[in-house]
Amino acid sequence: MNFVIYGLCATTALICTLLMIRAYLISGYRLLLWSSWSFAGLTLNNIILMFDKMAYANDLLTQRLIIALIALMPLIYGLIFEDR
């Protein structure tokens, strides 16, 4: 059951990524680009969470935290430096 929940979280983040990329291509609003990069990283983080909790024997907490930090950096950059 946990694998299904983790999979749904990863799928939701992937769908958000794709929708934001599509919206960026239509509107050209750059904050959507930064947000889509952030959600792409969070999708990767959720996929690693699935492997960490279900299939992999080692603890991947440190790697997941590093990926989450890197994933949030484009969003923070976009929120600070985009002026439109």
PDB file of N, CA and C in Angstrom:
ATOM      1  N   MET A   1       0.817  -1.198   0.000  1.00  0.00           N
ATOM      2  CA  MET A   1       0.000   0.000   0.000  1.00  0.00           C
ATOM      3  C   MET A   1       0.863   1.266   0.000  1.00  0.00           C
ATOM      4  N   ASN A   2       1.963   1.248   0.749  1.00  0.00           N
ATOM      5  CA  ASN A   2       2.844   2.419   0.785  1.00  0.00           C
ATOM      6  C   ASN A   2       3.438   2.711  -0.583  1.00  0.00           C
ATOM      7  N   PHE A   3       3.774   1.642  -1.325  1.00  0.00           N
ATOM      8  CA  PHE A   3       4.357   1.829  -2.647  1.00  0.00           C
ATOM      9  C   PHE A   3       3.386   2.568  -3.566  1.00  0.00           C
ATOM     10  N   VAL A   4       2.095   2.268  -3.439  1.00  0.00           N
ATOM     11  CA  VAL A   4       1.079   2.939  -4.250  1.00  0.00           C
ATOM     12  C   VAL A   4       1.008   4.425  -3.889  1.00  0.00           C
ATOM     13  N   ILE A   5       1.056   4.735  -2.625  1.00  0.00           N
ATOM     14  CA  ILE A   5       0.991   6.132  -2.188  1.00  0.00           C
ATOM     15  C   ILE A   5       2.222   6.899  -2.659  1.00  0.00           C
ATOM     16  N   TYR A   6       3.405   6.310  -2.506  1.00  0.00           N
ATOM     17  CA  TYR A   6       4.626   6.969  -2.976  1.00  0.00           C
ATOM     18  C   TYR A   6       4.595   7.141  -4.494  1.00  0.00           C
ATOM     19  N   GLY A   7       4.077   6.156  -5.191  1.00  0.00           N
ATOM     20  CA  GLY A   7       3.949   6.251  -6.646  1.00  0.00           C
ATOM     21  C   GLY A   7       2.988   7.347  -7.070  1.00  0.00           C
ATOM     22  N   LEU A   8       1.878   7.486  -6.339  1.00  0.00           N
ATOM     23  CA  LEU A   8       0.932   8.554  -6.648  1.00  0.00           C
ATOM     24  C   LEU A   8       1.534   9.935  -6.392  1.00  0.00           C
ATOM     25  N   CYS A   9       2.350  10.055  -5.352  1.00  0.00           N
ATOM     26  CA  CYS A   9       3.031  11.335  -5.086  1.00  0.00           C
ATOM     27  C   CYS A   9       4.002  11.677  -6.213  1.00  0.00           C
ATOM     28  N   ALA A  10       4.752  10.686  -6.677  1.00  0.00           N
ATOM     29  CA  ALA A  10       5.686  10.927  -7.779  1.00  0.00           C
ATOM     30  C   ALA A  10       4.937  11.257  -9.064  1.00  0.00           C
ATOM     31  N   THR A  11       3.840  10.573  -9.307  1.00  0.00           N
ATOM     32  CA  THR A  11       3.042  10.841 -10.502  1.00  0.00           C
ATOM     33  C   THR A  11       2.436  12.239 -10.461  1.00  0.00           C
ATOM     34  N   THR A  12       1.951  12.642  -9.308  1.00  0.00           N
ATOM     35  CA  THR A  12       1.387  13.985  -9.164  1.00  0.00           C
ATOM     36  C   THR A  12       2.443  15.057  -9.418  1.00  0.00           C
ATOM     37  N   ALA A  13       3.639  14.871  -8.870  1.00  0.00           N
ATOM     38  CA  ALA A  13       4.714  15.840  -9.100  1.00  0.00           C
ATOM     39  C   ALA A  13       5.110  15.875 -10.577  1.00  0.00           C
ATOM     40  N   LEU A  14       5.111  14.714 -11.242  1.00  0.00           N
ATOM     41  CA  LEU A  14       5.438  14.671 -12.666  1.00  0.00           C
ATOM     42  C   LEU A  14       4.368  15.377 -13.493  1.00  0.00           C
ATOM     43  N   ILE A  15       3.109  15.163 -13.163  1.00  0.00           N
ATOM     44  CA  ILE A  15       2.022  15.840 -13.883  1.00  0.00           C
ATOM     45  C   ILE A  15       2.111  17.352 -13.682  1.00  0.00           C
ATOM     46  N   CYS A  16       2.413  17.791 -12.469  1.00  0.00           N
ATOM     47  CA  CYS A  16       2.587  19.229 -12.216  1.00  0.00           C
ATOM     48  C   CYS A  16       3.730  19.786 -13.047  1.00  0.00           C
ATOM     49  N   THR A  17       4.819  19.033 -13.143  1.00  0.00           N
ATOM     50  CA  THR A  17       5.958  19.462 -13.952  1.00  0.00           C
ATOM     51  C   THR A  17       5.547  19.651 -15.401  1.00  0.00           C
ATOM     52  N   LEU A  18       4.874  18.659 -15.949  1.00  0.00           N
ATOM     53  CA  LEU A  18       4.478  18.723 -17.354  1.00  0.00           C
ATOM     54  C   LEU A  18       3.477  19.849 -17.617  1.00  0.00           C
ATOM     55  N   LEU A  19       2.536  20.045 -16.702  1.00  0.00           N
ATOM     56  CA  LEU A  19       1.568  21.126 -16.877  1.00  0.00           C
ATOM     57  C   LEU A  19       2.227  22.503 -16.797  1.00  0.00           C
ATOM     58  N   MET A  20       3.206  22.641 -15.903  1.00  0.00           N
ATOM     59  CA  MET A  20       3.893  23.930 -15.805  1.00  0.00           C
ATOM     60  C   MET A  20       4.771  24.193 -17.014  1.00  0.00           C
ATOM     61  N   ILE A  21       5.401  23.151 -17.560  1.00  0.00           N
ATOM     62  CA  ILE A  21       6.192  23.330 -18.783  1.00  0.00           C
ATOM     63  C   ILE A  21       5.281  23.744 -19.933  1.00  0.00           C
ATOM     64  N   ARG A  22       4.136  23.101 -20.041  1.00  0.00           N
ATOM     65  CA  ARG A  22       3.192  23.454 -21.102  1.00  0.00           C
ATOM     66  C   ARG A  22       2.699  24.894 -20.939  1.00  0.00           C
ATOM     67  N   ALA A  23       2.393  25.286 -19.710  1.00  0.00           N
ATOM     68  CA  ALA A  23       1.940  26.656 -19.465  1.00  0.00           C
ATOM     69  C   ALA A  23       3.051  27.653 -19.760  1.00  0.00           C
ATOM     70  N   TYR A  24       4.292  27.296 -19.453  1.00  0.00           N
ATOM     71  CA  TYR A  24       5.412  28.192 -19.766  1.00  0.00           C
ATOM     72  C   TYR A  24       5.564  28.365 -21.269  1.00  0.00           C
ATOM     73  N   LEU A  25       5.431  27.275 -22.022  1.00  0.00           N
ATOM     74  CA  LEU A  25       5.571  27.364 -23.472  1.00  0.00           C
ATOM     75  C   LEU A  25       4.461  28.213 -24.090  1.00  0.00           C
ATOM     76  N   ILE A  26       3.298  28.197 -23.492  1.00  0.00           N
ATOM     77  CA  ILE A  26       2.188  28.993 -24.004  1.00  0.00           C
ATOM     78  C   ILE A  26       2.328  30.460 -23.613  1.00  0.00           C
ATOM     79  N   SER A  27       2.627  30.720 -22.335  1.00  0.00           N
ATOM     80  CA  SER A  27       2.596  32.097 -21.839  1.00  0.00           C
ATOM     81  C   SER A  27       3.966  32.772 -21.828  1.00  0.00           C
ATOM     82  N   GLY A  28       5.032  32.016 -21.675  1.00  0.00           N
ATOM     83  CA  GLY A  28       6.360  32.607 -21.582  1.00  0.00           C
ATOM     84  C   GLY A  28       6.674  33.213 -20.225  1.00  0.00           C
ATOM     85  N   TYR A  29       5.829  32.974 -19.236  1.00  0.00           N
ATOM     86  CA  TYR A  29       6.038  33.498 -17.885  1.00  0.00           C
ATOM     87  C   TYR A  29       7.139  32.689 -17.213  1.00  0.00           C
ATOM     88  N   ARG A  30       8.268  33.332 -16.908  1.00  0.00           N
ATOM     89  CA  ARG A  30       9.476  32.606 -16.494  1.00  0.00           C
ATOM     90  C   ARG A  30       9.367  31.938 -15.134  1.00  0.00           C
ATOM     91  N   LEU A  31       8.497  32.421 -14.271  1.00  0.00           N
ATOM     92  CA  LEU A  31       8.342  31.771 -12.976  1.00  0.00           C
ATOM     93  C   LEU A  31       7.806  30.348 -13.144  1.00  0.00           C
ATOM     94  N   LEU A  32       7.033  30.117 -14.189  1.00  0.00           N
ATOM     95  CA  LEU A  32       6.577  28.758 -14.480  1.00  0.00           C
ATOM     96  C   LEU A  32       7.746  27.846 -14.853  1.00  0.00           C
ATOM     97  N   LEU A  33       8.728  28.398 -15.534  1.00  0.00           N
ATOM     98  CA  LEU A  33       9.916  27.615 -15.879  1.00  0.00           C
ATOM     99  C   LEU A  33      10.677  27.203 -14.630  1.00  0.00           C
ATOM    100  N   TRP A  34      10.899  28.156 -13.732  1.00  0.00           N
ATOM    101  CA  TRP A  34      11.622  27.842 -12.498  1.00  0.00           C
ATOM    102  C   TRP A  34      10.828  26.859 -11.637  1.00  0.00           C
ATOM    103  N   SER A  35       9.529  27.014 -11.601  1.00  0.00           N
ATOM    104  CA  SER A  35       8.695  26.097 -10.824  1.00  0.00           C
ATOM    105  C   SER A  35       8.711  24.696 -11.419  1.00  0.00           C
ATOM    106  N   SER A  36       8.716  24.618 -12.742  1.00  0.00           N
ATOM    107  CA  SER A  36       8.746  23.291 -13.364  1.00  0.00           C
ATOM    108  C   SER A  36      10.071  22.583 -13.102  1.00  0.00           C
ATOM    109  N   TRP A  37      11.186  23.332 -13.102  1.00  0.00           N
ATOM    110  CA  TRP A  37      12.471  22.728 -12.734  1.00  0.00           C
ATOM    111  C   TRP A  37      12.430  22.217 -11.290  1.00  0.00           C
ATOM    112  N   SER A  38      11.806  22.983 -10.428  1.00  0.00           N
ATOM    113  CA  SER A  38      11.703  22.589  -9.033  1.00  0.00           C
ATOM    114  C   SER A  38      10.871  21.318  -8.891  1.00  0.00           C
ATOM    115  N   PHE A  39       9.740  21.260  -9.565  1.00  0.00           N
ATOM    116  CA  PHE A  39       8.898  20.074  -9.476  1.00  0.00           C
ATOM    117  C   PHE A  39       9.539  18.864 -10.141  1.00  0.00           C
ATOM    118  N   ALA A  40      10.371  19.079 -11.154  1.00  0.00           N
ATOM    119  CA  ALA A  40      11.103  17.955 -11.745  1.00  0.00           C
ATOM    120  C   ALA A  40      12.053  17.347 -10.713  1.00  0.00           C
ATOM    121  N   GLY A  41      12.717  18.185  -9.955  1.00  0.00           N
ATOM    122  CA  GLY A  41      13.574  17.681  -8.880  1.00  0.00           C
ATOM    123  C   GLY A  41      12.792  16.989  -7.786  1.00  0.00           C
ATOM    124  N   LEU A  42      11.620  17.525  -7.458  1.00  0.00           N
ATOM    125  CA  LEU A  42      10.789  16.882  -6.444  1.00  0.00           C
ATOM    126  C   LEU A  42      10.229  15.541  -6.940  1.00  0.00           C
ATOM    127  N   THR A  43      10.003  15.433  -8.250  1.00  0.00           N
ATOM    128  CA  THR A  43       9.611  14.145  -8.820  1.00  0.00           C
ATOM    129  C   THR A  43      10.721  13.125  -8.621  1.00  0.00           C
ATOM    130  N   LEU A  44      11.949  13.531  -8.915  1.00  0.00           N
ATOM    131  CA  LEU A  44      13.096  12.651  -8.695  1.00  0.00           C
ATOM    132  C   LEU A  44      13.217  12.280  -7.222  1.00  0.00           C
ATOM    133  N   ASN A  45      12.982  13.231  -6.353  1.00  0.00           N
ATOM    134  CA  ASN A  45      13.035  12.976  -4.918  1.00  0.00           C
ATOM    135  C   ASN A  45      11.993  11.934  -4.510  1.00  0.00           C
ATOM    136  N   ASN A  46      10.791  12.032  -5.059  1.00  0.00           N
ATOM    137  CA  ASN A  46       9.745  11.058  -4.734  1.00  0.00           C
ATOM    138  C   ASN A  46      10.056   9.674  -5.286  1.00  0.00           C
ATOM    139  N   ILE A  47      10.675   9.608  -6.457  1.00  0.00           N
ATOM    140  CA  ILE A  47      11.060   8.309  -7.012  1.00  0.00           C
ATOM    141  C   ILE A  47      12.130   7.663  -6.137  1.00  0.00           C
ATOM    142  N   ILE A  48      13.091   8.450  -5.693  1.00  0.00           N
ATOM    143  CA  ILE A  48      14.128   7.913  -4.805  1.00  0.00           C
ATOM    144  C   ILE A  48      13.514   7.495  -3.467  1.00  0.00           C
ATOM    145  N   LEU A  49      12.508   8.222  -3.008  1.00  0.00           N
ATOM    146  CA  LEU A  49      11.804   7.832  -1.785  1.00  0.00           C
ATOM    147  C   LEU A  49      11.154   6.462  -1.948  1.00  0.00           C
ATOM    148  N   MET A  50      10.566   6.194  -3.120  1.00  0.00           N
ATOM    149  CA  MET A  50       9.970   4.873  -3.357  1.00  0.00           C
ATOM    150  C   MET A  50      11.016   3.778  -3.260  1.00  0.00           C
ATOM    151  N   PHE A  51      12.173   3.995  -3.902  1.00  0.00           N
ATOM    152  CA  PHE A  51      13.224   2.993  -3.836  1.00  0.00           C
ATOM    153  C   PHE A  51      13.794   2.859  -2.433  1.00  0.00           C
ATOM    154  N   ASP A  52      13.885   3.977  -1.734  1.00  0.00           N
ATOM    155  CA  ASP A  52      14.436   3.956  -0.376  1.00  0.00           C
ATOM    156  C   ASP A  52      13.548   3.149   0.563  1.00  0.00           C
ATOM    157  N   LYS A  53      12.255   3.368   0.498  1.00  0.00           N
ATOM    158  CA  LYS A  53      11.346   2.731   1.445  1.00  0.00           C
ATOM    159  C   LYS A  53      10.958   1.312   1.050  1.00  0.00           C
ATOM    160  N   MET A  54      10.995   1.004  -0.239  1.00  0.00           N
ATOM    161  CA  MET A  54      10.458  -0.276  -0.670  1.00  0.00           C
ATOM    162  C   MET A  54      11.494  -1.269  -1.200  1.00  0.00           C
ATOM    163  N   ALA A  55      12.441  -0.804  -1.994  1.00  0.00           N
ATOM    164  CA  ALA A  55      13.262  -1.755  -2.720  1.00  0.00           C
ATOM    165  C   ALA A  55      14.737  -1.749  -2.331  1.00  0.00           C
ATOM    166  N   TYR A  56      15.228  -0.658  -1.796  1.00  0.00           N
ATOM    167  CA  TYR A  56      16.659  -0.520  -1.573  1.00  0.00           C
ATOM    168  C   TYR A  56      16.994  -0.808  -0.123  1.00  0.00           C
ATOM    169  N   ALA A  57      18.102  -1.495   0.107  1.00  0.00           N
ATOM    170  CA  ALA A  57      18.464  -1.907   1.466  1.00  0.00           C
ATOM    171  C   ALA A  57      19.123  -0.776   2.263  1.00  0.00           C
ATOM    172  N   ASN A  58      19.842   0.111   1.599  1.00  0.00           N
ATOM    173  CA  ASN A  58      20.543   1.193   2.306  1.00  0.00           C
ATOM    174  C   ASN A  58      19.615   2.371   2.558  1.00  0.00           C
ATOM    175  N   ASP A  59      20.018   3.194   3.516  1.00  0.00           N
ATOM    176  CA  ASP A  59      19.249   4.393   3.838  1.00  0.00           C
ATOM    177  C   ASP A  59      19.671   5.521   2.899  1.00  0.00           C
ATOM    178  N   LEU A  60      18.724   6.098   2.183  1.00  0.00           N
ATOM    179  CA  LEU A  60      19.008   7.157   1.222  1.00  0.00           C
ATOM    180  C   LEU A  60      18.521   8.522   1.705  1.00  0.00           C
ATOM    181  N   LEU A  61      18.418   8.703   3.008  1.00  0.00           N
ATOM    182  CA  LEU A  61      17.896   9.947   3.551  1.00  0.00           C
ATOM    183  C   LEU A  61      18.766  11.146   3.162  1.00  0.00           C
ATOM    184  N   THR A  62      20.064  11.015   3.268  1.00  0.00           N
ATOM    185  CA  THR A  62      20.965  12.120   2.949  1.00  0.00           C
ATOM    186  C   THR A  62      20.852  12.500   1.478  1.00  0.00           C
ATOM    187  N   GLN A  63      20.820  11.508   0.599  1.00  0.00           N
ATOM    188  CA  GLN A  63      20.695  11.789  -0.825  1.00  0.00           C
ATOM    189  C   GLN A  63      19.359  12.454  -1.142  1.00  0.00           C
ATOM    190  N   ARG A  64      18.298  12.020  -0.493  1.00  0.00           N
ATOM    191  CA  ARG A  64      16.984  12.616  -0.724  1.00  0.00           C
ATOM    192  C   ARG A  64      16.948  14.065  -0.256  1.00  0.00           C
ATOM    193  N   LEU A  65      17.569  14.343   0.883  1.00  0.00           N
ATOM    194  CA  LEU A  65      17.595  15.715   1.386  1.00  0.00           C
ATOM    195  C   LEU A  65      18.411  16.635   0.483  1.00  0.00           C
ATOM    196  N   ILE A  66      19.505  16.135  -0.049  1.00  0.00           N
ATOM    197  CA  ILE A  66      20.324  16.930  -0.966  1.00  0.00           C
ATOM    198  C   ILE A  66      19.557  17.217  -2.249  1.00  0.00           C
ATOM    199  N   ILE A  67      18.870  16.212  -2.778  1.00  0.00           N
ATOM    200  CA  ILE A  67      18.084  16.403  -3.997  1.00  0.00           C
ATOM    201  C   ILE A  67      16.939  17.379  -3.742  1.00  0.00           C
ATOM    202  N   ALA A  68      16.291  17.286  -2.588  1.00  0.00           N
ATOM    203  CA  ALA A  68      15.205  18.222  -2.266  1.00  0.00           C
ATOM    204  C   ALA A  68      15.730  19.651  -2.156  1.00  0.00           C
ATOM    205  N   LEU A  69      16.909  19.823  -1.572  1.00  0.00           N
ATOM    206  CA  LEU A  69      17.508  21.154  -1.472  1.00  0.00           C
ATOM    207  C   LEU A  69      17.829  21.704  -2.855  1.00  0.00           C
ATOM    208  N   ILE A  70      18.425  20.877  -3.695  1.00  0.00           N
ATOM    209  CA  ILE A  70      18.749  21.306  -5.058  1.00  0.00           C
ATOM    210  C   ILE A  70      17.480  21.590  -5.847  1.00  0.00           C
ATOM    211  N   ALA A  71      16.423  20.815  -5.599  1.00  0.00           N
ATOM    212  CA  ALA A  71      15.160  21.007  -6.318  1.00  0.00           C
ATOM    213  C   ALA A  71      14.486  22.321  -5.940  1.00  0.00           C
ATOM    214  N   LEU A  72      14.674  22.774  -4.728  1.00  0.00           N
ATOM    215  CA  LEU A  72      14.035  24.020  -4.310  1.00  0.00           C
ATOM    216  C   LEU A  72      14.813  25.266  -4.719  1.00  0.00           C
ATOM    217  N   MET A  73      16.074  25.109  -5.084  1.00  0.00           N
ATOM    218  CA  MET A  73      16.883  26.264  -5.467  1.00  0.00           C
ATOM    219  C   MET A  73      16.352  27.010  -6.690  1.00  0.00           C
ATOM    220  N   PRO A  74      15.927  26.339  -7.778  1.00  0.00           N
ATOM    221  CA  PRO A  74      15.374  27.113  -8.906  1.00  0.00           C
ATOM    222  C   PRO A  74      14.116  27.895  -8.531  1.00  0.00           C
ATOM    223  N   LEU A  75      13.284  27.331  -7.682  1.00  0.00           N
ATOM    224  CA  LEU A  75      12.072  28.032  -7.267  1.00  0.00           C
ATOM    225  C   LEU A  75      12.419  29.269  -6.445  1.00  0.00           C
ATOM    226  N   ILE A  76      13.372  29.144  -5.550  1.00  0.00           N
ATOM    227  CA  ILE A  76      13.799  30.297  -4.753  1.00  0.00           C
ATOM    228  C   ILE A  76      14.409  31.359  -5.653  1.00  0.00           C
ATOM    229  N   TYR A  77      15.233  30.939  -6.617  1.00  0.00           N
ATOM    230  CA  TYR A  77      15.820  31.896  -7.560  1.00  0.00           C
ATOM    231  C   TYR A  77      14.729  32.625  -8.333  1.00  0.00           C
ATOM    232  N   GLY A  78      13.768  31.875  -8.838  1.00  0.00           N
ATOM    233  CA  GLY A  78      12.690  32.493  -9.600  1.00  0.00           C
ATOM    234  C   GLY A  78      11.859  33.451  -8.770  1.00  0.00           C
ATOM    235  N   LEU A  79      11.591  33.096  -7.531  1.00  0.00           N
ATOM    236  CA  LEU A  79      10.799  33.972  -6.673  1.00  0.00           C
ATOM    237  C   LEU A  79      11.547  35.260  -6.321  1.00  0.00           C
ATOM    238  N   ILE A  80      12.865  35.188  -6.216  1.00  0.00           N
ATOM    239  CA  ILE A  80      13.639  36.364  -5.821  1.00  0.00           C
ATOM    240  C   ILE A  80      13.936  37.262  -7.027  1.00  0.00           C
ATOM    241  N   PHE A  81      14.357  36.683  -8.145  1.00  0.00           N
ATOM    242  CA  PHE A  81      14.918  37.489  -9.226  1.00  0.00           C
ATOM    243  C   PHE A  81      13.983  37.740 -10.408  1.00  0.00           C
ATOM    244  N   GLU A  82      12.869  37.069 -10.493  1.00  0.00           N
ATOM    245  CA  GLU A  82      11.937  37.361 -11.588  1.00  0.00           C
ATOM    246  C   GLU A  82      11.060  38.533 -11.192  1.00  0.00           C
ATOM    247  N   ASP A  83      11.004  39.541 -12.033  1.00  0.00           N
ATOM    248  CA  ASP A  83      10.326  40.776 -11.654  1.00  0.00           C
ATOM    249  C   ASP A  83       8.999  40.982 -12.374  1.00  0.00           C
ATOM    250  N   ARG A  84       8.623  40.118 -13.277  1.00  0.00           N
ATOM    251  CA  ARG A  84       7.340  40.285 -13.946  1.00  0.00           C
ATOM    252  C   ARG A  84       6.237  39.712 -13.127  1.00  0.00           C
TER     253      ARG A  84
END
